[in-house]
């Protein structure tokens, strides 16, 4: 699911027609998703119980930030009719 979302945001950033605000919001989303990818890469060989602990400690705060981001900036971009809203 994150791969699909990240690709959509990357398309907005790369687009020559997206408005600057949508590109900025999309870049923020990509940065947050990349932080989750980094954590997953670091724990890929860990046992499941350790993964769970690390995800609660490191990933959950990022997920909370993403939720907050969606509720503020993503919906704001939709209201403004930017590229994020058009996808």
C-alpha atoms as a PDB file:
ATOM      1  CA  UNK A   1       0.000   0.000   0.000  1.00  0.00           C
ATOM      2  CA  UNK A   2       2.790   2.446   0.835  1.00  0.00           C
ATOM      3  CA  UNK A   3       4.513   1.695  -2.462  1.00  0.00           C
ATOM      4  CA  UNK A   4       1.405   2.696  -4.363  1.00  0.00           C
ATOM      5  CA  UNK A   5       0.950   5.886  -2.335  1.00  0.00           C
ATOM      6  CA  UNK A   6       4.627   6.794  -2.616  1.00  0.00           C
ATOM      7  CA  UNK A   7       4.508   6.373  -6.403  1.00  0.00           C
ATOM      8  CA  UNK A   8       1.473   8.640  -6.674  1.00  0.00           C
ATOM      9  CA  UNK A   9       3.222  11.317  -4.641  1.00  0.00           C
ATOM     10  CA  UNK A  10       6.421  10.867  -6.686  1.00  0.00           C
ATOM     11  CA  UNK A  11       4.400  11.393  -9.870  1.00  0.00           C
ATOM     12  CA  UNK A  12       3.136  14.692  -8.479  1.00  0.00           C
ATOM     13  CA  UNK A  13       6.658  15.837  -7.597  1.00  0.00           C
ATOM     14  CA  UNK A  14       7.990  14.879 -11.051  1.00  0.00           C
ATOM     15  CA  UNK A  15       5.044  16.361 -12.897  1.00  0.00           C
ATOM     16  CA  UNK A  16       5.669  19.483 -14.894  1.00  0.00           C
ATOM     17  CA  UNK A  17       2.066  20.579 -14.465  1.00  0.00           C
ATOM     18  CA  UNK A  18       1.435  20.109 -10.739  1.00  0.00           C
ATOM     19  CA  UNK A  19       1.099  23.267  -8.708  1.00  0.00           C
ATOM     20  CA  UNK A  20       3.983  24.125  -6.338  1.00  0.00           C
ATOM     21  CA  UNK A  21       1.910  23.568  -3.184  1.00  0.00           C
ATOM     22  CA  UNK A  22       0.892  20.064  -4.261  1.00  0.00           C
ATOM     23  CA  UNK A  23       4.521  19.267  -5.073  1.00  0.00           C
ATOM     24  CA  UNK A  24       5.573  20.485  -1.640  1.00  0.00           C
ATOM     25  CA  UNK A  25       2.906  18.406   0.099  1.00  0.00           C
ATOM     26  CA  UNK A  26       3.784  15.370  -2.008  1.00  0.00           C
ATOM     27  CA  UNK A  27       7.476  15.704  -1.104  1.00  0.00           C
ATOM     28  CA  UNK A  28       6.557  15.826   2.586  1.00  0.00           C
ATOM     29  CA  UNK A  29       4.569  12.604   2.191  1.00  0.00           C
ATOM     30  CA  UNK A  30       7.460  10.903   0.367  1.00  0.00           C
ATOM     31  CA  UNK A  31       9.859  11.878   3.145  1.00  0.00           C
ATOM     32  CA  UNK A  32       7.592  10.388   5.806  1.00  0.00           C
ATOM     33  CA  UNK A  33       7.120   7.168   3.836  1.00  0.00           C
ATOM     34  CA  UNK A  34      10.881   6.888   3.282  1.00  0.00           C
ATOM     35  CA  UNK A  35      11.389   7.008   7.047  1.00  0.00           C
ATOM     36  CA  UNK A  36       9.124   3.967   7.387  1.00  0.00           C
ATOM     37  CA  UNK A  37      11.001   2.157   4.606  1.00  0.00           C
ATOM     38  CA  UNK A  38      14.282   2.830   6.403  1.00  0.00           C
ATOM     39  CA  UNK A  39      12.982   1.325   9.635  1.00  0.00           C
ATOM     40  CA  UNK A  40      11.686  -1.748   7.798  1.00  0.00           C
ATOM     41  CA  UNK A  41      15.040  -2.200   6.071  1.00  0.00           C
ATOM     42  CA  UNK A  42      16.853  -1.995   9.405  1.00  0.00           C
ATOM     43  CA  UNK A  43      14.648  -4.651  11.028  1.00  0.00           C
ATOM     44  CA  UNK A  44      14.127  -7.006   8.087  1.00  0.00           C
ATOM     45  CA  UNK A  45      16.222  -9.786   9.641  1.00  0.00           C
ATOM     46  CA  UNK A  46      15.004  -9.323  13.208  1.00  0.00           C
ATOM     47  CA  UNK A  47      12.648 -11.814  14.843  1.00  0.00           C
ATOM     48  CA  UNK A  48       8.931 -10.898  14.777  1.00  0.00           C
ATOM     49  CA  UNK A  49       8.750  -9.983  18.469  1.00  0.00           C
ATOM     50  CA  UNK A  50      11.623  -7.518  18.117  1.00  0.00           C
ATOM     51  CA  UNK A  51      10.083  -6.090  14.924  1.00  0.00           C
ATOM     52  CA  UNK A  52       6.872  -5.430  16.817  1.00  0.00           C
ATOM     53  CA  UNK A  53       8.685  -3.558  19.581  1.00  0.00           C
ATOM     54  CA  UNK A  54      10.687  -1.454  17.133  1.00  0.00           C
ATOM     55  CA  UNK A  55       7.610  -0.687  15.041  1.00  0.00           C
ATOM     56  CA  UNK A  56       5.767   0.500  18.146  1.00  0.00           C
ATOM     57  CA  UNK A  57       8.718   2.647  19.203  1.00  0.00           C
ATOM     58  CA  UNK A  58       9.847   4.036  15.843  1.00  0.00           C
ATOM     59  CA  UNK A  59       7.197   3.462  13.186  1.00  0.00           C
ATOM     60  CA  UNK A  60       4.075   4.331  15.153  1.00  0.00           C
ATOM     61  CA  UNK A  61       5.085   7.965  15.728  1.00  0.00           C
ATOM     62  CA  UNK A  62       5.701   8.347  11.990  1.00  0.00           C
ATOM     63  CA  UNK A  63       2.343   6.756  11.205  1.00  0.00           C
ATOM     64  CA  UNK A  64       0.711   9.179  13.632  1.00  0.00           C
ATOM     65  CA  UNK A  65       2.455  12.042  11.828  1.00  0.00           C
ATOM     66  CA  UNK A  66       1.193  10.734   8.488  1.00  0.00           C
ATOM     67  CA  UNK A  67      -2.358  10.608   9.860  1.00  0.00           C
ATOM     68  CA  UNK A  68      -2.028  14.176  11.081  1.00  0.00           C
ATOM     69  CA  UNK A  69      -0.554  15.196   7.728  1.00  0.00           C
ATOM     70  CA  UNK A  70      -3.494  13.630   5.892  1.00  0.00           C
ATOM     71  CA  UNK A  71      -5.995  15.387   8.127  1.00  0.00           C
ATOM     72  CA  UNK A  72      -4.370  18.774   7.622  1.00  0.00           C
ATOM     73  CA  UNK A  73      -2.353  19.188   4.462  1.00  0.00           C
ATOM     74  CA  UNK A  74      -3.781  16.478   2.239  1.00  0.00           C
ATOM     75  CA  UNK A  75      -7.369  17.538   2.802  1.00  0.00           C
ATOM     76  CA  UNK A  76      -6.337  21.186   2.524  1.00  0.00           C
ATOM     77  CA  UNK A  77      -4.815  20.446  -0.893  1.00  0.00           C
ATOM     78  CA  UNK A  78      -8.053  18.752  -1.926  1.00  0.00           C
ATOM     79  CA  UNK A  79     -10.047  21.795  -0.877  1.00  0.00           C
ATOM     80  CA  UNK A  80      -7.731  24.010  -2.932  1.00  0.00           C
ATOM     81  CA  UNK A  81      -8.072  21.721  -5.955  1.00  0.00           C
ATOM     82  CA  UNK A  82      -4.351  21.044  -6.360  1.00  0.00           C
ATOM     83  CA  UNK A  83      -2.742  18.087  -8.111  1.00  0.00           C
ATOM     84  CA  UNK A  84      -3.160  15.922  -5.046  1.00  0.00           C
ATOM     85  CA  UNK A  85      -6.897  16.415  -5.292  1.00  0.00           C
ATOM     86  CA  UNK A  86      -6.976  15.579  -8.992  1.00  0.00           C
ATOM     87  CA  UNK A  87      -5.456  12.106  -8.637  1.00  0.00           C
END
